[in-house]
Every structure is written in C-alpha cells, then in structure tokens.
Amino acid sequence: MLEDAKAGAYKAMIHACKEADDKFIPMFDRADLRRITHSDAQHAEFQEKAGRPVWNEWLADMKSKGLSGQEQLDFVLAEAKKATGS
C-alpha cells in the first residue's frame, strides 16, 4: 500500500512546495532581502564541504549498526538530482 501511495504523496509534496514558493518568493522583492542563487560549481563545492561529511558520518553510523545505508543515500541523491536537474 505504501508503494501505491508514493506517487500521490510526491505529487502532493511538489504541489505544496510550489504553493509555498509562489507565496514566499515574492516577499524577497518587498522585503530587505535578496535572493541568492548558486552556480553548479558552487553547489558542488557546498555538497563536498558540507554534505559529504554528514553523509559519511551517517554511513559510518549505519555500518556500526550492521546496516548498509549506501543504497538509501544513493537513492536520495539520485532523486534530488532528478528533482533539481543538477
């Protein structure tokens, strides 16, 4: 049943995120805020410096428990890449 619900849950999540973006992103134009974007190279550097240490620590924790987290991590990263196109 969970597998059957997954597609609908993803669709609802994407819809909720789009609604939130539509509501909050325009606030940047009205407030004393500015929107920051990052190049692909900057994003990759951030992942390497900030993301990879966290992933590695989590993987080590899973391994210490006799579990393999690599498949889950690979899945999450692949899905994030598909969703963001980067």
PDB file of N, CA and C in Angstrom:
ATOM      1  N   MET A   1       0.830  -1.191   0.000  1.00  0.00           N
ATOM      2  CA  MET A   1       0.000   0.000   0.000  1.00  0.00           C
ATOM      3  C   MET A   1       0.878   1.260   0.000  1.00  0.00           C
ATOM      4  N   LEU A   2       2.009   1.189   0.711  1.00  0.00           N
ATOM      5  CA  LEU A   2       2.881   2.356   0.737  1.00  0.00           C
ATOM      6  C   LEU A   2       3.427   2.674  -0.643  1.00  0.00           C
ATOM      7  N   GLU A   3       3.822   1.640  -1.363  1.00  0.00           N
ATOM      8  CA  GLU A   3       4.334   1.860  -2.723  1.00  0.00           C
ATOM      9  C   GLU A   3       3.259   2.494  -3.596  1.00  0.00           C
ATOM     10  N   ASP A   4       2.017   2.063  -3.452  1.00  0.00           N
ATOM     11  CA  ASP A   4       0.924   2.620  -4.250  1.00  0.00           C
ATOM     12  C   ASP A   4       0.657   4.081  -3.903  1.00  0.00           C
ATOM     13  N   ALA A   5       0.894   4.457  -2.666  1.00  0.00           N
ATOM     14  CA  ALA A   5       0.626   5.825  -2.222  1.00  0.00           C
ATOM     15  C   ALA A   5       1.755   6.786  -2.579  1.00  0.00           C
ATOM     16  N   LYS A   6       2.901   6.251  -2.923  1.00  0.00           N
ATOM     17  CA  LYS A   6       4.091   7.084  -3.139  1.00  0.00           C
ATOM     18  C   LYS A   6       3.883   8.142  -4.224  1.00  0.00           C
ATOM     19  N   ALA A   7       3.338   7.767  -5.349  1.00  0.00           N
ATOM     20  CA  ALA A   7       3.175   8.725  -6.457  1.00  0.00           C
ATOM     21  C   ALA A   7       2.280   9.884  -6.047  1.00  0.00           C
ATOM     22  N   GLY A   8       1.183   9.585  -5.390  1.00  0.00           N
ATOM     23  CA  GLY A   8       0.281  10.641  -4.934  1.00  0.00           C
ATOM     24  C   GLY A   8       0.926  11.532  -3.886  1.00  0.00           C
ATOM     25  N   ALA A   9       1.717  10.933  -3.002  1.00  0.00           N
ATOM     26  CA  ALA A   9       2.404  11.710  -1.970  1.00  0.00           C
ATOM     27  C   ALA A   9       3.431  12.645  -2.600  1.00  0.00           C
ATOM     28  N   TYR A  10       4.186  12.162  -3.571  1.00  0.00           N
ATOM     29  CA  TYR A  10       5.162  13.019  -4.261  1.00  0.00           C
ATOM     30  C   TYR A  10       4.450  14.183  -4.950  1.00  0.00           C
ATOM     31  N   LYS A  11       3.356  13.876  -5.619  1.00  0.00           N
ATOM     32  CA  LYS A  11       2.612  14.918  -6.324  1.00  0.00           C
ATOM     33  C   LYS A  11       2.104  15.974  -5.336  1.00  0.00           C
ATOM     34  N   ALA A  12       1.582  15.538  -4.197  1.00  0.00           N
ATOM     35  CA  ALA A  12       1.086  16.469  -3.183  1.00  0.00           C
ATOM     36  C   ALA A  12       2.226  17.303  -2.605  1.00  0.00           C
ATOM     37  N   MET A  13       3.374  16.671  -2.391  1.00  0.00           N
ATOM     38  CA  MET A  13       4.523  17.391  -1.843  1.00  0.00           C
ATOM     39  C   MET A  13       5.012  18.457  -2.832  1.00  0.00           C
ATOM     40  N   ILE A  14       5.117  18.102  -4.085  1.00  0.00           N
ATOM     41  CA  ILE A  14       5.560  19.055  -5.110  1.00  0.00           C
ATOM     42  C   ILE A  14       4.577  20.220  -5.201  1.00  0.00           C
ATOM     43  N   HIS A  15       3.284  19.913  -5.144  1.00  0.00           N
ATOM     44  CA  HIS A  15       2.250  20.954  -5.191  1.00  0.00           C
ATOM     45  C   HIS A  15       2.381  21.885  -3.978  1.00  0.00           C
ATOM     46  N   ALA A  16       2.572  21.316  -2.788  1.00  0.00           N
ATOM     47  CA  ALA A  16       2.712  22.126  -1.575  1.00  0.00           C
ATOM     48  C   ALA A  16       3.952  23.013  -1.649  1.00  0.00           C
ATOM     49  N   CYS A  17       5.053  22.476  -2.165  1.00  0.00           N
ATOM     50  CA  CYS A  17       6.278  23.276  -2.302  1.00  0.00           C
ATOM     51  C   CYS A  17       6.083  24.407  -3.293  1.00  0.00           C
ATOM     52  N   LYS A  18       5.392  24.140  -4.390  1.00  0.00           N
ATOM     53  CA  LYS A  18       5.141  25.185  -5.381  1.00  0.00           C
ATOM     54  C   LYS A  18       4.259  26.273  -4.791  1.00  0.00           C
ATOM     55  N   GLU A  19       3.233  25.882  -4.045  1.00  0.00           N
ATOM     56  CA  GLU A  19       2.378  26.881  -3.402  1.00  0.00           C
ATOM     57  C   GLU A  19       3.178  27.739  -2.430  1.00  0.00           C
ATOM     58  N   ALA A  20       4.055  27.111  -1.654  1.00  0.00           N
ATOM     59  CA  ALA A  20       4.880  27.862  -0.708  1.00  0.00           C
ATOM     60  C   ALA A  20       5.819  28.804  -1.456  1.00  0.00           C
ATOM     61  N   ASP A  21       6.432  28.329  -2.529  1.00  0.00           N
ATOM     62  CA  ASP A  21       7.311  29.189  -3.329  1.00  0.00           C
ATOM     63  C   ASP A  21       6.536  30.373  -3.894  1.00  0.00           C
ATOM     64  N   ASP A  22       5.351  30.100  -4.427  1.00  0.00           N
ATOM     65  CA  ASP A  22       4.534  31.173  -5.006  1.00  0.00           C
ATOM     66  C   ASP A  22       4.178  32.225  -3.958  1.00  0.00           C
ATOM     67  N   LYS A  23       4.017  31.796  -2.728  1.00  0.00           N
ATOM     68  CA  LYS A  23       3.655  32.716  -1.650  1.00  0.00           C
ATOM     69  C   LYS A  23       4.873  33.470  -1.118  1.00  0.00           C
ATOM     70  N   PHE A  24       5.966  32.764  -0.868  1.00  0.00           N
ATOM     71  CA  PHE A  24       7.074  33.365  -0.139  1.00  0.00           C
ATOM     72  C   PHE A  24       8.155  33.997  -1.011  1.00  0.00           C
ATOM     73  N   ILE A  25       8.419  33.473  -2.186  1.00  0.00           N
ATOM     74  CA  ILE A  25       9.474  34.052  -3.023  1.00  0.00           C
ATOM     75  C   ILE A  25       9.195  35.513  -3.373  1.00  0.00           C
ATOM     76  N   PRO A  26       7.945  35.888  -3.679  1.00  0.00           N
ATOM     77  CA  PRO A  26       7.705  37.315  -3.946  1.00  0.00           C
ATOM     78  C   PRO A  26       8.016  38.226  -2.758  1.00  0.00           C
ATOM     79  N   MET A  27       8.027  37.690  -1.549  1.00  0.00           N
ATOM     80  CA  MET A  27       8.365  38.507  -0.384  1.00  0.00           C
ATOM     81  C   MET A  27       9.780  39.068  -0.483  1.00  0.00           C
ATOM     82  N   PHE A  28      10.635  38.378  -1.187  1.00  0.00           N
ATOM     83  CA  PHE A  28      12.007  38.853  -1.339  1.00  0.00           C
ATOM     84  C   PHE A  28      12.038  40.195  -2.067  1.00  0.00           C
ATOM     85  N   ASP A  29      11.100  40.415  -2.969  1.00  0.00           N
ATOM     86  CA  ASP A  29      11.055  41.676  -3.701  1.00  0.00           C
ATOM     87  C   ASP A  29      10.559  42.818  -2.825  1.00  0.00           C
ATOM     88  N   ARG A  30       9.748  42.493  -1.808  1.00  0.00           N
ATOM     89  CA  ARG A  30       9.145  43.521  -0.976  1.00  0.00           C
ATOM     90  C   ARG A  30       9.932  43.777   0.313  1.00  0.00           C
ATOM     91  N   ALA A  31      10.755  42.861   0.707  1.00  0.00           N
ATOM     92  CA  ALA A  31      11.482  42.978   1.968  1.00  0.00           C
ATOM     93  C   ALA A  31      12.924  43.393   1.723  1.00  0.00           C
ATOM     94  N   ASP A  32      13.608  43.649   2.795  1.00  0.00           N
ATOM     95  CA  ASP A  32      15.025  43.987   2.696  1.00  0.00           C
ATOM     96  C   ASP A  32      15.834  42.692   2.624  1.00  0.00           C
ATOM     97  N   LEU A  33      15.491  41.887   1.667  1.00  0.00           N
ATOM     98  CA  LEU A  33      16.124  40.593   1.458  1.00  0.00           C
ATOM     99  C   LEU A  33      16.530  40.495   0.003  1.00  0.00           C
ATOM    100  N   ARG A  34      17.428  39.621  -0.263  1.00  0.00           N
ATOM    101  CA  ARG A  34      17.764  39.377  -1.665  1.00  0.00           C
ATOM    102  C   ARG A  34      17.877  37.875  -1.886  1.00  0.00           C
ATOM    103  N   ARG A  35      17.479  37.488  -3.039  1.00  0.00           N
ATOM    104  CA  ARG A  35      17.531  36.083  -3.407  1.00  0.00           C
ATOM    105  C   ARG A  35      18.939  35.753  -3.886  1.00  0.00           C
ATOM    106  N   ILE A  36      19.462  34.635  -3.400  1.00  0.00           N
ATOM    107  CA  ILE A  36      20.811  34.219  -3.767  1.00  0.00           C
ATOM    108  C   ILE A  36      20.715  32.933  -4.567  1.00  0.00           C
ATOM    109  N   THR A  37      21.407  32.900  -5.678  1.00  0.00           N
ATOM    110  CA  THR A  37      21.475  31.678  -6.469  1.00  0.00           C
ATOM    111  C   THR A  37      22.933  31.237  -6.525  1.00  0.00           C
ATOM    112  N   HIS A  38      23.132  29.967  -6.753  1.00  0.00           N
ATOM    113  CA  HIS A  38      24.473  29.404  -6.793  1.00  0.00           C
ATOM    114  C   HIS A  38      24.697  28.721  -8.133  1.00  0.00           C
ATOM    115  N   SER A  39      25.916  28.823  -8.608  1.00  0.00           N
ATOM    116  CA  SER A  39      26.277  28.114  -9.834  1.00  0.00           C
ATOM    117  C   SER A  39      26.377  26.618  -9.527  1.00  0.00           C
ATOM    118  N   ASP A  40      26.409  25.822 -10.563  1.00  0.00           N
ATOM    119  CA  ASP A  40      26.578  24.373 -10.376  1.00  0.00           C
ATOM    120  C   ASP A  40      27.890  24.076  -9.653  1.00  0.00           C
ATOM    121  N   ALA A  41      28.940  24.827  -9.976  1.00  0.00           N
ATOM    122  CA  ALA A  41      30.236  24.608  -9.335  1.00  0.00           C
ATOM    123  C   ALA A  41      30.172  24.958  -7.850  1.00  0.00           C
ATOM    124  N   GLN A  42      29.491  26.047  -7.503  1.00  0.00           N
ATOM    125  CA  GLN A  42      29.340  26.419  -6.097  1.00  0.00           C
ATOM    126  C   GLN A  42      28.521  25.372  -5.343  1.00  0.00           C
ATOM    127  N   HIS A  43      27.475  24.890  -5.987  1.00  0.00           N
ATOM    128  CA  HIS A  43      26.636  23.864  -5.368  1.00  0.00           C
ATOM    129  C   HIS A  43      27.452  22.588  -5.122  1.00  0.00           C
ATOM    130  N   ALA A  44      28.251  22.201  -6.076  1.00  0.00           N
ATOM    131  CA  ALA A  44      29.082  21.006  -5.927  1.00  0.00           C
ATOM    132  C   ALA A  44      30.095  21.195  -4.800  1.00  0.00           C
ATOM    133  N   GLU A  45      30.665  22.389  -4.698  1.00  0.00           N
ATOM    134  CA  GLU A  45      31.623  22.660  -3.624  1.00  0.00           C
ATOM    135  C   GLU A  45      30.934  22.603  -2.255  1.00  0.00           C
ATOM    136  N   PHE A  46      29.739  23.155  -2.176  1.00  0.00           N
ATOM    137  CA  PHE A  46      28.981  23.110  -0.927  1.00  0.00           C
ATOM    138  C   PHE A  46      28.676  21.662  -0.534  1.00  0.00           C
ATOM    139  N   GLN A  47      28.239  20.869  -1.509  1.00  0.00           N
ATOM    140  CA  GLN A  47      27.962  19.458  -1.226  1.00  0.00           C
ATOM    141  C   GLN A  47      29.213  18.756  -0.699  1.00  0.00           C
ATOM    142  N   GLU A  48      30.338  19.044  -1.323  1.00  0.00           N
ATOM    143  CA  GLU A  48      31.574  18.370  -0.943  1.00  0.00           C
ATOM    144  C   GLU A  48      32.020  18.768   0.464  1.00  0.00           C
ATOM    145  N   LYS A  49      31.934  20.055   0.771  1.00  0.00           N
ATOM    146  CA  LYS A  49      32.422  20.542   2.060  1.00  0.00           C
ATOM    147  C   LYS A  49      31.416  20.341   3.198  1.00  0.00           C
ATOM    148  N   ALA A  50      30.140  20.515   2.920  1.00  0.00           N
ATOM    149  CA  ALA A  50      29.134  20.458   3.984  1.00  0.00           C
ATOM    150  C   ALA A  50      28.308  19.179   3.960  1.00  0.00           C
ATOM    151  N   GLY A  51      28.014  18.683   2.781  1.00  0.00           N
ATOM    152  CA  GLY A  51      27.168  17.497   2.675  1.00  0.00           C
ATOM    153  C   GLY A  51      27.896  16.191   2.893  1.00  0.00           C
ATOM    154  N   ARG A  52      29.007  16.029   2.193  1.00  0.00           N
ATOM    155  CA  ARG A  52      29.719  14.743   2.243  1.00  0.00           C
ATOM    156  C   ARG A  52      30.128  14.334   3.661  1.00  0.00           C
ATOM    157  N   PRO A  53      30.653  15.249   4.503  1.00  0.00           N
ATOM    158  CA  PRO A  53      30.995  14.821   5.862  1.00  0.00           C
ATOM    159  C   PRO A  53      29.778  14.279   6.641  1.00  0.00           C
ATOM    160  N   VAL A  54      28.628  14.893   6.444  1.00  0.00           N
ATOM    161  CA  VAL A  54      27.412  14.426   7.121  1.00  0.00           C
ATOM    162  C   VAL A  54      27.009  13.062   6.574  1.00  0.00           C
ATOM    163  N   TRP A  55      27.054  12.917   5.252  1.00  0.00           N
ATOM    164  CA  TRP A  55      26.700  11.629   4.650  1.00  0.00           C
ATOM    165  C   TRP A  55      27.630  10.537   5.148  1.00  0.00           C
ATOM    166  N   ASN A  56      28.940  10.843   5.161  1.00  0.00           N
ATOM    167  CA  ASN A  56      29.918   9.835   5.595  1.00  0.00           C
ATOM    168  C   ASN A  56      29.710   9.439   7.052  1.00  0.00           C
ATOM    169  N   GLU A  57      29.391  10.410   7.899  1.00  0.00           N
ATOM    170  CA  GLU A  57      29.141  10.104   9.311  1.00  0.00           C
ATOM    171  C   GLU A  57      27.909   9.209   9.441  1.00  0.00           C
ATOM    172  N   TRP A  58      26.870   9.532   8.690  1.00  0.00           N
ATOM    173  CA  TRP A  58      25.646   8.729   8.730  1.00  0.00           C
ATOM    174  C   TRP A  58      25.929   7.306   8.224  1.00  0.00           C
ATOM    175  N   LEU A  59      26.685   7.199   7.138  1.00  0.00           N
ATOM    176  CA  LEU A  59      27.022   5.876   6.610  1.00  0.00           C
ATOM    177  C   LEU A  59      27.820   5.064   7.629  1.00  0.00           C
ATOM    178  N   ALA A  60      28.768   5.696   8.308  1.00  0.00           N
ATOM    179  CA  ALA A  60      29.553   5.004   9.338  1.00  0.00           C
ATOM    180  C   ALA A  60      28.650   4.547  10.475  1.00  0.00           C
ATOM    181  N   ASP A  61      27.684   5.377  10.852  1.00  0.00           N
ATOM    182  CA  ASP A  61      26.745   5.010  11.915  1.00  0.00           C
ATOM    183  C   ASP A  61      25.905   3.804  11.488  1.00  0.00           C
ATOM    184  N   MET A  62      25.440   3.820  10.261  1.00  0.00           N
ATOM    185  CA  MET A  62      24.648   2.683   9.771  1.00  0.00           C
ATOM    186  C   MET A  62      25.494   1.414   9.769  1.00  0.00           C
ATOM    187  N   LYS A  63      26.745   1.537   9.324  1.00  0.00           N
ATOM    188  CA  LYS A  63      27.638   0.379   9.271  1.00  0.00           C
ATOM    189  C   LYS A  63      27.894  -0.168  10.671  1.00  0.00           C
ATOM    190  N   SER A  64      28.046   0.721  11.667  1.00  0.00           N
ATOM    191  CA  SER A  64      28.285   0.269  13.040  1.00  0.00           C
ATOM    192  C   SER A  64      27.091  -0.498  13.596  1.00  0.00           C
ATOM    193  N   LYS A  65      25.930  -0.271  13.002  1.00  0.00           N
ATOM    194  CA  LYS A  65      24.709  -0.976  13.417  1.00  0.00           C
ATOM    195  C   LYS A  65      24.458  -2.220  12.573  1.00  0.00           C
ATOM    196  N   GLY A  66      25.411  -2.513  11.682  1.00  0.00           N
ATOM    197  CA  GLY A  66      25.270  -3.676  10.818  1.00  0.00           C
ATOM    198  C   GLY A  66      24.339  -3.446   9.645  1.00  0.00           C
ATOM    199  N   LEU A  67      24.113  -2.176   9.307  1.00  0.00           N
ATOM    200  CA  LEU A  67      23.204  -1.829   8.214  1.00  0.00           C
ATOM    201  C   LEU A  67      23.984  -1.151   7.090  1.00  0.00           C
ATOM    202  N   SER A  68      23.473  -1.279   5.896  1.00  0.00           N
ATOM    203  CA  SER A  68      24.077  -0.584   4.767  1.00  0.00           C
ATOM    204  C   SER A  68      23.197   0.599   4.419  1.00  0.00           C
ATOM    205  N   GLY A  69      23.729   1.772   4.538  1.00  0.00           N
ATOM    206  CA  GLY A  69      22.967   2.962   4.197  1.00  0.00           C
ATOM    207  C   GLY A  69      23.264   3.470   2.807  1.00  0.00           C
ATOM    208  N   GLN A  70      24.263   2.888   2.139  1.00  0.00           N
ATOM    209  CA  GLN A  70      24.692   3.415   0.839  1.00  0.00           C
ATOM    210  C   GLN A  70      23.566   3.405  -0.187  1.00  0.00           C
ATOM    211  N   GLU A  71      22.777   2.336  -0.208  1.00  0.00           N
ATOM    212  CA  GLU A  71      21.682   2.262  -1.184  1.00  0.00           C
ATOM    213  C   GLU A  71      20.666   3.376  -0.950  1.00  0.00           C
ATOM    214  N   GLN A  72      20.337   3.631   0.316  1.00  0.00           N
ATOM    215  CA  GLN A  72      19.389   4.697   0.624  1.00  0.00           C
ATOM    216  C   GLN A  72      19.958   6.058   0.262  1.00  0.00           C
ATOM    217  N   LEU A  73      21.238   6.286   0.593  1.00  0.00           N
ATOM    218  CA  LEU A  73      21.869   7.557   0.265  1.00  0.00           C
ATOM    219  C   LEU A  73      21.912   7.760  -1.247  1.00  0.00           C
ATOM    220  N   ASP A  74      22.298   6.734  -1.976  1.00  0.00           N
ATOM    221  CA  ASP A  74      22.346   6.836  -3.436  1.00  0.00           C
ATOM    222  C   ASP A  74      20.970   7.168  -4.003  1.00  0.00           C
ATOM    223  N   PHE A  75      19.937   6.540  -3.454  1.00  0.00           N
ATOM    224  CA  PHE A  75      18.563   6.789  -3.919  1.00  0.00           C
ATOM    225  C   PHE A  75      18.173   8.244  -3.672  1.00  0.00           C
ATOM    226  N   VAL A  76      18.415   8.729  -2.448  1.00  0.00           N
ATOM    227  CA  VAL A  76      18.036  10.105  -2.108  1.00  0.00           C
ATOM    228  C   VAL A  76      18.783  11.100  -2.994  1.00  0.00           C
ATOM    229  N   LEU A  77      20.069  10.894  -3.183  1.00  0.00           N
ATOM    230  CA  LEU A  77      20.849  11.812  -4.017  1.00  0.00           C
ATOM    231  C   LEU A  77      20.395  11.776  -5.471  1.00  0.00           C
ATOM    232  N   ALA A  78      20.075  10.595  -5.961  1.00  0.00           N
ATOM    233  CA  ALA A  78      19.594  10.486  -7.347  1.00  0.00           C
ATOM    234  C   ALA A  78      18.237  11.173  -7.509  1.00  0.00           C
ATOM    235  N   GLU A  79      17.351  10.996  -6.537  1.00  0.00           N
ATOM    236  CA  GLU A  79      16.041  11.637  -6.608  1.00  0.00           C
ATOM    237  C   GLU A  79      16.173  13.159  -6.511  1.00  0.00           C
ATOM    238  N   ALA A  80      17.066  13.632  -5.660  1.00  0.00           N
ATOM    239  CA  ALA A  80      17.290  15.077  -5.546  1.00  0.00           C
ATOM    240  C   ALA A  80      17.832  15.629  -6.857  1.00  0.00           C
ATOM    241  N   LYS A  81      18.730  14.880  -7.472  1.00  0.00           N
ATOM    242  CA  LYS A  81      19.292  15.323  -8.749  1.00  0.00           C
ATOM    243  C   LYS A  81      18.196  15.396  -9.827  1.00  0.00           C
ATOM    244  N   LYS A  82      17.324  14.383  -9.855  1.00  0.00           N
ATOM    245  CA  LYS A  82      16.229  14.404 -10.831  1.00  0.00           C
ATOM    246  C   LYS A  82      15.299  15.585 -10.580  1.00  0.00           C
ATOM    247  N   ALA A  83      15.033  15.847  -9.318  1.00  0.00           N
ATOM    248  CA  ALA A  83      14.079  16.918  -8.968  1.00  0.00           C
ATOM    249  C   ALA A  83      14.628  18.303  -9.264  1.00  0.00           C
ATOM    250  N   THR A  84      15.930  18.476  -9.080  1.00  0.00           N
ATOM    251  CA  THR A  84      16.518  19.797  -9.272  1.00  0.00           C
ATOM    252  C   THR A  84      17.169  19.967 -10.635  1.00  0.00           C
ATOM    253  N   GLY A  85      17.408  18.840 -11.301  1.00  0.00           N
ATOM    254  CA  GLY A  85      18.058  18.909 -12.606  1.00  0.00           C
ATOM    255  C   GLY A  85      19.542  19.240 -12.507  1.00  0.00           C
ATOM    256  N   SER A  86      20.087  19.113 -11.299  1.00  0.00           N
ATOM    257  CA  SER A  86      21.527  19.411 -11.158  1.00  0.00           C
ATOM    258  C   SER A  86      22.278  18.233 -10.604  1.00  0.00           C
TER     259      SER A  86
END
